[in-house]
Every structure is written in C-alpha cells, then in structure tokens.
C-alpha atoms as a PDB file:
ATOM      1  CA  MET A   1      89.991  86.452 112.986  1.00  0.00           C
ATOM      2  CA  SER A   2      93.110  85.246 111.262  1.00  0.00           C
ATOM      3  CA  ASP A   3      94.818  82.185 112.727  1.00  0.00           C
ATOM      4  CA  ASP A   4      98.342  83.378 111.887  1.00  0.00           C
ATOM      5  CA  LYS A   5     101.026  84.441 114.320  1.00  0.00           C
ATOM      6  CA  ALA A   6      99.639  87.969 114.798  1.00  0.00           C
ATOM      7  CA  ALA A   7      96.161  86.740 115.653  1.00  0.00           C
ATOM      8  CA  GLY A   8      94.800  87.442 119.076  1.00  0.00           C
ATOM      9  CA  ARG A   9      91.813  88.955 120.718  1.00  0.00           C
ATOM     10  CA  GLY A  10      92.795  92.384 119.480  1.00  0.00           C
ATOM     11  CA  PRO A  11      91.557  95.702 120.831  1.00  0.00           C
ATOM     12  CA  ALA A  12      87.901  96.655 120.635  1.00  0.00           C
ATOM     13  CA  ILE A  13      87.168  99.483 118.207  1.00  0.00           C
ATOM     14  CA  ILE A  14      84.684 101.880 119.787  1.00  0.00           C
ATOM     15  CA  LEU A  15      82.991 104.473 117.580  1.00  0.00           C
ATOM     16  CA  CYS A  16      81.386 107.215 119.655  1.00  0.00           C
ATOM     17  CA  GLU A  17      78.252 108.693 118.052  1.00  0.00           C
ATOM     18  CA  PRO A  18      79.303 108.114 114.427  1.00  0.00           C
ATOM     19  CA  GLN A  19      77.248 110.186 112.030  1.00  0.00           C
ATOM     20  CA  MET A  20      77.480 108.259 108.755  1.00  0.00           C
ATOM     21  CA  GLY A  21      76.861 104.586 108.075  1.00  0.00           C
ATOM     22  CA  GLU A  22      79.413 104.725 105.261  1.00  0.00           C
ATOM     23  CA  ASN A  23      82.153 105.507 107.760  1.00  0.00           C
ATOM     24  CA  ILE A  24      81.103 102.693 110.059  1.00  0.00           C
ATOM     25  CA  GLY A  25      81.273 100.254 107.156  1.00  0.00           C
ATOM     26  CA  ALA A  26      84.665 101.547 106.028  1.00  0.00           C
ATOM     27  CA  ALA A  27      85.970 101.254 109.590  1.00  0.00           C
ATOM     28  CA  ALA A  28      84.777  97.636 109.721  1.00  0.00           C
ATOM     29  CA  ARG A  29      86.585  96.943 106.472  1.00  0.00           C
ATOM     30  CA  ALA A  30      89.798  98.464 107.896  1.00  0.00           C
ATOM     31  CA  MET A  31      89.423  96.262 110.977  1.00  0.00           C
ATOM     32  CA  ALA A  32      89.085  93.141 108.846  1.00  0.00           C
ATOM     33  CA  ASN A  33      92.185  94.076 106.816  1.00  0.00           C
ATOM     34  CA  PHE A  34      94.336  93.710 109.921  1.00  0.00           C
ATOM     35  CA  GLY A  35      92.567  91.038 111.934  1.00  0.00           C
ATOM     36  CA  LEU A  36      90.298  92.970 114.313  1.00  0.00           C
ATOM     37  CA  SER A  37      86.669  92.002 114.854  1.00  0.00           C
ATOM     38  CA  ASP A  38      85.259  93.619 118.022  1.00  0.00           C
ATOM     39  CA  LEU A  39      83.279  96.664 116.837  1.00  0.00           C
ATOM     40  CA  ARG A  40      81.294  98.697 119.370  1.00  0.00           C
ATOM     41  CA  ILE A  41      79.085 101.608 118.373  1.00  0.00           C
ATOM     42  CA  VAL A  42      77.807 104.234 120.774  1.00  0.00           C
ATOM     43  CA  ALA A  43      74.550 106.007 119.830  1.00  0.00           C
ATOM     44  CA  PRO A  44      74.908 106.049 116.032  1.00  0.00           C
ATOM     45  CA  ARG A  45      73.135 109.089 114.613  1.00  0.00           C
ATOM     46  CA  ASP A  46      71.191 107.212 111.938  1.00  0.00           C
ATOM     47  CA  GLY A  47      70.274 104.225 114.090  1.00  0.00           C
ATOM     48  CA  TRP A  48      71.182 100.569 113.745  1.00  0.00           C
ATOM     49  CA  PRO A  49      71.259  98.369 111.705  1.00  0.00           C
ATOM     50  CA  ASN A  50      72.381 100.592 108.852  1.00  0.00           C
ATOM     51  CA  ASP A  51      72.249  99.543 105.189  1.00  0.00           C
ATOM     52  CA  LYS A  52      74.972 102.009 104.180  1.00  0.00           C
ATOM     53  CA  ALA A  53      77.316 100.597 106.796  1.00  0.00           C
ATOM     54  CA  GLU A  54      76.832  97.086 105.469  1.00  0.00           C
ATOM     55  CA  ALA A  55      77.241  98.193 101.852  1.00  0.00           C
ATOM     56  CA  ASN A  56      80.536  99.939 102.604  1.00  0.00           C
ATOM     57  CA  ALA A  57      81.963  97.095 104.660  1.00  0.00           C
ATOM     58  CA  ALA A  58      82.691  95.057 101.510  1.00  0.00           C
ATOM     59  CA  LYS A  59      83.695  91.566 102.736  1.00  0.00           C
ATOM     60  CA  ALA A  60      83.683  92.637 106.386  1.00  0.00           C
ATOM     61  CA  THR A  61      79.922  92.287 106.852  1.00  0.00           C
ATOM     62  CA  HIS A  62      80.570  89.693 109.582  1.00  0.00           C
ATOM     63  CA  ILE A  63      81.967  92.537 111.701  1.00  0.00           C
ATOM     64  CA  ILE A  64      78.900  94.690 111.005  1.00  0.00           C
ATOM     65  CA  HIS A  65      76.538  91.861 111.920  1.00  0.00           C
ATOM     66  CA  ALA A  66      78.397  91.174 115.176  1.00  0.00           C
ATOM     67  CA  ALA A  67      78.723  94.846 116.162  1.00  0.00           C
ATOM     68  CA  ARG A  68      77.385  95.794 119.567  1.00  0.00           C
ATOM     69  CA  VAL A  69      75.442  99.031 119.997  1.00  0.00           C
ATOM     70  CA  TYR A  70      75.298 101.026 123.241  1.00  0.00           C
ATOM     71  CA  ASP A  71      73.417 104.085 124.418  1.00  0.00           C
ATOM     72  CA  ARG A  72      76.271 105.375 126.572  1.00  0.00           C
ATOM     73  CA  LEU A  73      80.046 105.276 126.267  1.00  0.00           C
ATOM     74  CA  GLU A  74      80.402 104.069 129.851  1.00  0.00           C
ATOM     75  CA  GLU A  75      78.508 100.899 128.902  1.00  0.00           C
ATOM     76  CA  ALA A  76      80.692 100.294 125.842  1.00  0.00           C
ATOM     77  CA  ILE A  77      83.925 100.283 127.853  1.00  0.00           C
ATOM     78  CA  ALA A  78      82.660  98.651 131.049  1.00  0.00           C
ATOM     79  CA  ASP A  79      84.374  95.282 130.435  1.00  0.00           C
ATOM     80  CA  LEU A  80      87.693  96.769 129.291  1.00  0.00           C
ATOM     81  CA  SER A  81      90.829  97.122 131.384  1.00  0.00           C
ATOM     82  CA  PHE A  82      92.580  99.848 129.372  1.00  0.00           C
ATOM     83  CA  VAL A  83      91.286 102.398 126.863  1.00  0.00           C
ATOM     84  CA  TYR A  84      93.119 104.691 124.449  1.00  0.00           C
ATOM     85  CA  ALA A  85      91.232 107.814 123.336  1.00  0.00           C
ATOM     86  CA  THR A  86      92.224 108.887 119.842  1.00  0.00           C
ATOM     87  CA  THR A  87      92.363 112.601 119.124  1.00  0.00           C
ATOM     88  CA  ALA A  88      94.185 114.989 116.811  1.00  0.00           C
ATOM     89  CA  ARG A  89      93.849 117.986 119.158  1.00  0.00           C
ATOM     90  CA  ASP A  90      95.571 118.984 122.360  1.00  0.00           C
ATOM     91  CA  ARG A  91      93.260 118.450 125.328  1.00  0.00           C
ATOM     92  CA  ASP A  92      92.999 120.099 128.707  1.00  0.00           C
ATOM     93  CA  VAL A  93      93.290 116.655 130.267  1.00  0.00           C
ATOM     94  CA  THR A  94      96.296 115.388 132.208  1.00  0.00           C
ATOM     95  CA  LYS A  95      97.013 112.094 130.463  1.00  0.00           C
ATOM     96  CA  ALA A  96      99.986 110.471 128.786  1.00  0.00           C
ATOM     97  CA  VAL A  97     100.041 111.049 125.027  1.00  0.00           C
ATOM     98  CA  ARG A  98     101.273 108.158 122.883  1.00  0.00           C
ATOM     99  CA  GLY A  99     101.972 107.556 119.215  1.00  0.00           C
ATOM    100  CA  PRO A 100     100.644 104.540 117.280  1.00  0.00           C
ATOM    101  CA  VAL A 101     103.839 102.452 117.476  1.00  0.00           C
ATOM    102  CA  HIS A 102     104.123 102.759 121.263  1.00  0.00           C
ATOM    103  CA  ALA A 103     100.396 102.159 121.688  1.00  0.00           C
ATOM    104  CA  ALA A 104     100.429  99.041 119.505  1.00  0.00           C
ATOM    105  CA  ARG A 105     103.283  97.473 121.469  1.00  0.00           C
ATOM    106  CA  HIS A 106     101.609  98.404 124.754  1.00  0.00           C
ATOM    107  CA  ILE A 107      98.340  96.822 123.632  1.00  0.00           C
ATOM    108  CA  ARG A 108     100.158  93.622 122.706  1.00  0.00           C
ATOM    109  CA  ALA A 109     101.810  93.551 126.132  1.00  0.00           C
ATOM    110  CA  LEU A 110      98.481  94.101 127.892  1.00  0.00           C
ATOM    111  CA  GLU A 111      96.835  91.372 125.815  1.00  0.00           C
ATOM    112  CA  ALA A 112      99.620  88.968 126.772  1.00  0.00           C
ATOM    113  CA  GLN A 113      98.618  89.595 130.391  1.00  0.00           C
ATOM    114  CA  GLY A 114      94.982  88.821 129.605  1.00  0.00           C
ATOM    115  CA  ALA A 115      93.765  92.428 129.653  1.00  0.00           C
ATOM    116  CA  ALA A 116      90.983  93.658 127.371  1.00  0.00           C
ATOM    117  CA  VAL A 117      91.855  96.892 125.548  1.00  0.00           C
ATOM    118  CA  GLY A 118      89.766  99.413 123.640  1.00  0.00           C
ATOM    119  CA  LEU A 119      90.491 102.130 121.076  1.00  0.00           C
ATOM    120  CA  LEU A 120      88.022 105.001 121.239  1.00  0.00           C
ATOM    121  CA  PHE A 121      87.242 107.108 118.163  1.00  0.00           C
ATOM    122  CA  GLY A 122      85.081 110.235 118.091  1.00  0.00           C
ATOM    123  CA  ARG A 123      82.550 111.842 115.785  1.00  0.00           C
ATOM    124  CA  GLU A 124      83.337 112.759 112.207  1.00  0.00           C
ATOM    125  CA  ARG A 125      82.873 116.499 112.694  1.00  0.00           C
ATOM    126  CA  TRP A 126      84.491 117.177 116.062  1.00  0.00           C
ATOM    127  CA  GLY A 127      85.840 113.985 117.578  1.00  0.00           C
ATOM    128  CA  LEU A 128      85.612 113.315 121.296  1.00  0.00           C
ATOM    129  CA  ASN A 129      84.731 115.795 124.029  1.00  0.00           C
ATOM    130  CA  ASN A 130      86.846 116.201 127.143  1.00  0.00           C
ATOM    131  CA  ASP A 131      84.479 114.157 129.315  1.00  0.00           C
ATOM    132  CA  GLU A 132      84.835 111.230 126.925  1.00  0.00           C
ATOM    133  CA  VAL A 133      88.613 111.577 126.783  1.00  0.00           C
ATOM    134  CA  ALA A 134      88.628 111.622 130.580  1.00  0.00           C
ATOM    135  CA  LEU A 135      87.169 108.089 130.611  1.00  0.00           C
ATOM    136  CA  ALA A 136      90.261 106.772 128.793  1.00  0.00           C
ATOM    137  CA  ASP A 137      93.587 105.820 130.360  1.00  0.00           C
ATOM    138  CA  GLU A 138      95.838 107.466 127.782  1.00  0.00           C
ATOM    139  CA  ILE A 139      95.605 109.516 124.597  1.00  0.00           C
ATOM    140  CA  LEU A 140      96.624 108.129 121.212  1.00  0.00           C
ATOM    141  CA  THR A 141      97.462 110.555 118.437  1.00  0.00           C
ATOM    142  CA  LEU A 142      99.083 110.221 115.014  1.00  0.00           C
ATOM    143  CA  PRO A 143     102.133 112.095 113.648  1.00  0.00           C
ATOM    144  CA  VAL A 144     100.092 114.056 111.120  1.00  0.00           C
ATOM    145  CA  VAL A 145     100.889 117.428 109.600  1.00  0.00           C
ATOM    146  CA  PRO A 146      99.305 119.921 112.045  1.00  0.00           C
ATOM    147  CA  LYS A 147      97.583 121.885 109.283  1.00  0.00           C
ATOM    148  CA  TYR A 148      95.810 118.694 108.140  1.00  0.00           C
ATOM    149  CA  ALA A 149      95.416 116.894 111.444  1.00  0.00           C
ATOM    150  CA  SER A 150      91.868 115.627 110.977  1.00  0.00           C
ATOM    151  CA  LEU A 151      91.446 112.083 109.632  1.00  0.00           C
ATOM    152  CA  ASN A 152      88.362 110.254 108.483  1.00  0.00           C
ATOM    153  CA  ILE A 153      87.330 107.703 111.142  1.00  0.00           C
ATOM    154  CA  ALA A 154      88.053 104.738 108.877  1.00  0.00           C
ATOM    155  CA  GLN A 155      91.485 106.143 108.016  1.00  0.00           C
ATOM    156  CA  ALA A 156      92.349 106.481 111.689  1.00  0.00           C
ATOM    157  CA  VAL A 157      91.111 102.945 112.421  1.00  0.00           C
ATOM    158  CA  LEU A 158      93.191 101.634 109.511  1.00  0.00           C
ATOM    159  CA  VAL A 159      96.438 103.212 110.751  1.00  0.00           C
ATOM    160  CA  VAL A 160      96.023 102.018 114.327  1.00  0.00           C
ATOM    161  CA  ALA A 161      94.894  98.516 113.288  1.00  0.00           C
ATOM    162  CA  TYR A 162      97.909  98.258 110.976  1.00  0.00           C
ATOM    163  CA  GLU A 163     100.303  99.155 113.785  1.00  0.00           C
ATOM    164  CA  TRP A 164      98.634  96.653 116.126  1.00  0.00           C
ATOM    165  CA  ARG A 165      99.003  93.845 113.605  1.00  0.00           C
ATOM    166  CA  LYS A 166     102.593  94.775 112.750  1.00  0.00           C
ATOM    167  CA  ALA A 167     103.492  94.717 116.447  1.00  0.00           C
ATOM    168  CA  GLY A 168     102.571  91.027 116.519  1.00  0.00           C
ATOM    169  CA  PHE A 169     105.495  89.988 114.322  1.00  0.00           C
ATOM    170  CA  ASP A 170     109.202  89.832 115.129  1.00  0.00           C
ATOM    171  CA  ASP A 171     109.843  90.655 111.467  1.00  0.00           C
ATOM    172  CA  PRO A 172     106.916  92.606 109.927  1.00  0.00           C
ATOM    173  CA  ASP A 173     108.163  91.892 106.388  1.00  0.00           C
ATOM    174  CA  GLY A 174     107.956  88.177 107.166  1.00  0.00           C
ATOM    175  CA  ALA A 175     104.206  88.615 107.547  1.00  0.00           C
ATOM    176  CA  LEU A 176     103.587  89.861 104.021  1.00  0.00           C
ATOM    177  CA  PRO A 177     100.957  87.783 102.187  1.00  0.00           C
ATOM    178  CA  PHE A 178     103.242  87.069  99.222  1.00  0.00           C
ATOM    179  CA  ALA A 179     106.863  87.509  98.159  1.00  0.00           C
ATOM    180  CA  ALA A 180     108.643  88.363  94.941  1.00  0.00           C
ATOM    181  CA  SER A 181     108.330  85.662  92.311  1.00  0.00           C
ATOM    182  CA  ASP A 182     111.289  83.290  92.177  1.00  0.00           C
ATOM    183  CA  ARG A 183     110.103  81.118  89.299  1.00  0.00           C
ATOM    184  CA  SER A 184     113.276  81.816  87.285  1.00  0.00           C
ATOM    185  CA  PRO A 185     116.594  81.093  89.047  1.00  0.00           C
ATOM    186  CA  PRO A 186     119.406  83.668  89.097  1.00  0.00           C
ATOM    187  CA  ALA A 187     121.654  83.750  86.060  1.00  0.00           C
ATOM    188  CA  GLY A 188     125.097  82.219  86.380  1.00  0.00           C
ATOM    189  CA  LYS A 189     128.284  84.022  85.414  1.00  0.00           C
ATOM    190  CA  ALA A 190     128.576  82.000  82.191  1.00  0.00           C
ATOM    191  CA  GLU A 191     125.127  83.226  81.096  1.00  0.00           C
ATOM    192  CA  LEU A 192     125.990  86.800  82.028  1.00  0.00           C
ATOM    193  CA  LEU A 193     129.280  86.639  80.112  1.00  0.00           C
ATOM    194  CA  GLY A 194     127.403  85.229  77.122  1.00  0.00           C
ATOM    195  CA  LEU A 195     125.109  88.257  77.236  1.00  0.00           C
ATOM    196  CA  PHE A 196     128.104  90.576  77.326  1.00  0.00           C
ATOM    197  CA  ASP A 197     129.708  88.832  74.314  1.00  0.00           C
ATOM    198  CA  HIS A 198     126.481  89.019  72.362  1.00  0.00           C
ATOM    199  CA  LEU A 199     125.797  92.679  73.110  1.00  0.00           C
ATOM    200  CA  GLU A 200     129.368  93.856  72.646  1.00  0.00           C
ATOM    201  CA  SER A 201     129.716  92.010  69.313  1.00  0.00           C
ATOM    202  CA  VAL A 202     126.628  93.754  67.972  1.00  0.00           C
ATOM    203  CA  LEU A 203     127.771  97.126  69.291  1.00  0.00           C
ATOM    204  CA  ASP A 204     131.197  96.606  67.682  1.00  0.00           C
ATOM    205  CA  GLU A 205     129.527  95.984  64.312  1.00  0.00           C
ATOM    206  CA  ARG A 206     127.552  99.214  64.733  1.00  0.00           C
ATOM    207  CA  HIS A 207     130.729 101.160  65.669  1.00  0.00           C
ATOM    208  CA  PHE A 208     129.236 102.098  69.029  1.00  0.00           C
ATOM    209  CA  PHE A 209     132.575 102.145  70.859  1.00  0.00           C
ATOM    210  CA  HIS A 210     133.986 105.409  69.557  1.00  0.00           C
ATOM    211  CA  PRO A 211     136.663 106.622  69.831  1.00  0.00           C
ATOM    212  CA  PRO A 212     138.414 103.223  70.021  1.00  0.00           C
ATOM    213  CA  GLU A 213     140.656 104.171  72.935  1.00  0.00           C
ATOM    214  CA  LYS A 214     137.565 104.594  75.122  1.00  0.00           C
ATOM    215  CA  ARG A 215     136.278 101.100  74.349  1.00  0.00           C
ATOM    216  CA  PRO A 216     137.578  99.427  77.577  1.00  0.00           C
ATOM    217  CA  THR A 217     136.020 102.074  79.811  1.00  0.00           C
ATOM    218  CA  MET A 218     132.725 101.997  77.913  1.00  0.00           C
ATOM    219  CA  ILE A 219     132.583  98.193  78.204  1.00  0.00           C
ATOM    220  CA  HIS A 220     133.286  98.347  81.942  1.00  0.00           C
ATOM    221  CA  ASN A 221     130.464 100.851  82.406  1.00  0.00           C
ATOM    222  CA  LEU A 222     128.092  98.826  80.248  1.00  0.00           C
ATOM    223  CA  ARG A 223     128.791  95.601  82.135  1.00  0.00           C
ATOM    224  CA  ALA A 224     128.381  97.355  85.481  1.00  0.00           C
ATOM    225  CA  ILE A 225     124.832  98.348  84.521  1.00  0.00           C
ATOM    226  CA  PHE A 226     123.773  94.731  84.020  1.00  0.00           C
ATOM    227  CA  GLN A 227     125.748  93.287  86.925  1.00  0.00           C
ATOM    228  CA  ARG A 228     123.916  95.550  89.374  1.00  0.00           C
ATOM    229  CA  GLN A 229     120.560  94.096  88.345  1.00  0.00           C
ATOM    230  CA  GLN A 230     121.107  90.509  89.569  1.00  0.00           C
ATOM    231  CA  LEU A 231     119.482  89.178  86.413  1.00  0.00           C
ATOM    232  CA  THR A 232     117.615  85.877  86.261  1.00  0.00           C
ATOM    233  CA  GLN A 233     118.067  83.218  83.581  1.00  0.00           C
ATOM    234  CA  GLN A 234     114.779  84.246  81.991  1.00  0.00           C
ATOM    235  CA  GLU A 235     115.824  87.909  81.922  1.00  0.00           C
ATOM    236  CA  ILE A 236     119.107  86.972  80.207  1.00  0.00           C
ATOM    237  CA  ARG A 237     117.183  85.038  77.546  1.00  0.00           C
ATOM    238  CA  THR A 238     114.817  87.967  77.062  1.00  0.00           C
ATOM    239  CA  LEU A 239     117.655  90.469  76.684  1.00  0.00           C
ATOM    240  CA  ARG A 240     119.484  88.283  74.182  1.00  0.00           C
ATOM    241  CA  GLY A 241     116.246  87.916  72.225  1.00  0.00           C
ATOM    242  CA  ILE A 242     115.908  91.706  72.110  1.00  0.00           C
ATOM    243  CA  ILE A 243     119.499  92.115  70.921  1.00  0.00           C
ATOM    244  CA  THR A 244     118.966  89.513  68.196  1.00  0.00           C
ATOM    245  CA  CYS A 245     115.744  91.223  67.096  1.00  0.00           C
ATOM    246  CA  LEU A 246     117.371  94.649  66.904  1.00  0.00           C
ATOM    247  CA  ASP A 247     120.404  93.185  65.127  1.00  0.00           C
ATOM    248  CA  GLY A 248     118.170  91.812  62.407  1.00  0.00           C
ATOM    249  CA  LYS A 249     119.952  88.489  62.089  1.00  0.00           C
ATOM    250  CA  ASN A 250     120.628  85.302  63.978  1.00  0.00           C
ATOM    251  CA  HIS A 251     123.780  86.523  65.663  1.00  0.00           C
ATOM    252  CA  ARG A 252     125.962  83.985  67.465  1.00  0.00           C
ATOM    253  CA  PRO A 253     128.902  85.443  69.387  1.00  0.00           C
ATOM    254  CA  LYS A 254     132.294  83.782  69.286  1.00  0.00           C
ATOM    255  CA  LYS A 255     132.957  81.030  71.807  1.00  0.00           C
ATOM    256  CA  ARG A 256     135.183  81.980  74.693  1.00  0.00           C
ATOM    257  CA  ILE A 257     138.620  80.327  74.668  1.00  0.00           C
ATOM    258  CA  THR A 258     139.990  79.133  78.002  1.00  0.00           C
ATOM    259  CA  ASP A 259     143.645  79.298  79.034  1.00  0.00           C
ATOM    260  CA  ASP A 260     144.206  75.668  78.010  1.00  0.00           C
ATOM    261  CA  GLY A 261     142.902  76.323  74.519  1.00  0.00           C
ATOM    262  CA  GLU A 262     139.548  74.548  74.980  1.00  0.00           C
ATOM    263  CA  ALA A 263     136.360  76.241  73.810  1.00  0.00           C
END
C-alpha cells in the first residue's frame, strides 16, 4: 500500500460469489488505484486461482495473489468490526442507508479507532440477497440514475475506493500525483505591453480598426482577451512569433516613451 498521507489499513473488499474472473481482476486493479489491498472472495463461480482474474488485474497482481477465498460469507467477515453492504436496490431490511461520501468518512473514523471495516459487493447478475445484507451493519448505495442503477462490480469498487482515499486528505486536490507545469514563469506587464504594441501595430497596418472612432474600444476588448489568460513568458514569445510570421516581415514595434522622455 502507498506510504503517503492517505495510506492506512483500508477497508477489506469482499466479493460475494463473483461469476467472472475478469471482474475480479478489474476490481483488484481499482483497489490498487486508490491504495486498497485486502481482497476477499466468497465462493467464486469459476474457482480459484483464476487466470482471467490475473490477466485483468494489470499491475495489481499482488492483490490477486494475496486474495483470500472463503466458502461462506460469515467466514469472510468474521474478523471485521463493521461491514457496509453495497446495493443499488431498496431492501426490506431495517438498516441505515448511506452514500459514498458519508461512508468513506465513517470508515476513516472507524479505522482511526483501530476497527477493521469491510465493503461487501454482490454478484454480477443480481447482487446480494437479503440474508447477506442482513449480516452488514449499514447499506451503502451510490447516487446513480434510477433507470441505470446497476454498476459493474469493478466500477462500484472504484467509486467507493476513490471516496475512501479522498477522505484521507484535508485537501483532496493536494493529493494529485502531479500539478500543472510551471517551467515558464508568468509574463510581466512590460512583456504583455510589448505584445500589445506588436499586435496593434500590425493590425493598424492591415486597417483592422475600422471605423477609426471605434479603435479605442476595439483595443480595450482585444487587450482584455489576453489579460484574462495570465500568459507565461514562453506564451508571449510564441504569440509574438506567430504575429511576425503572419506579418511576413521582421516587425519591431516602436519603443514606449516614458513621461520623462526616456525610451
């Protein structure tokens, strides 16, 4: 598991009677994406180990190799303190129903107390039965469109694992694996004004500002477009190169004159 701030034991992912090895492998891959590693499989239809599961796990084969297989669900959850049953359908079971954000924060709080938590997922075709849901403490469901409520197992694991990981950061955006490139520093006002001089000189030569009385307004609008972009020094150089290329000559705008007469 990752050694960053969001690392922790993490909830166990329990797949109840999964029917396809491909889905088990994809679920393992989703777990690895967000730092989970405890995979438990209850009575897989096609037996275990499963070559298709390993093939579909991509770089998460370590999770497949460490997966524990059980004959009965009761055995798979025996060492856990709290279990969420995931389902997309209303159940005739009196249990609290939670969304993924609430559940993720609750799991983090339970883990901080030393509790072991599990997330229970059902079969591809019809999910969990009521007896299996009854073994859980609460129900976890996703805010899907009712007409398309059913998710692939790996998709459901991915969403819940993502929320669990995100809940481990004070600022989720601070956990992103990379940021926008800052190799070129922001352009200064002198560079931006030089761009304006260059562009406006070329546009004047091409009689772009027509009729003349609208020139001030057109210039204000044109400058506003570029000022909103927070251009970098490299972007200024690129834009001036484009203007020069389109102008067809080595155009050098006039130097600005300051109030004291110095260039």
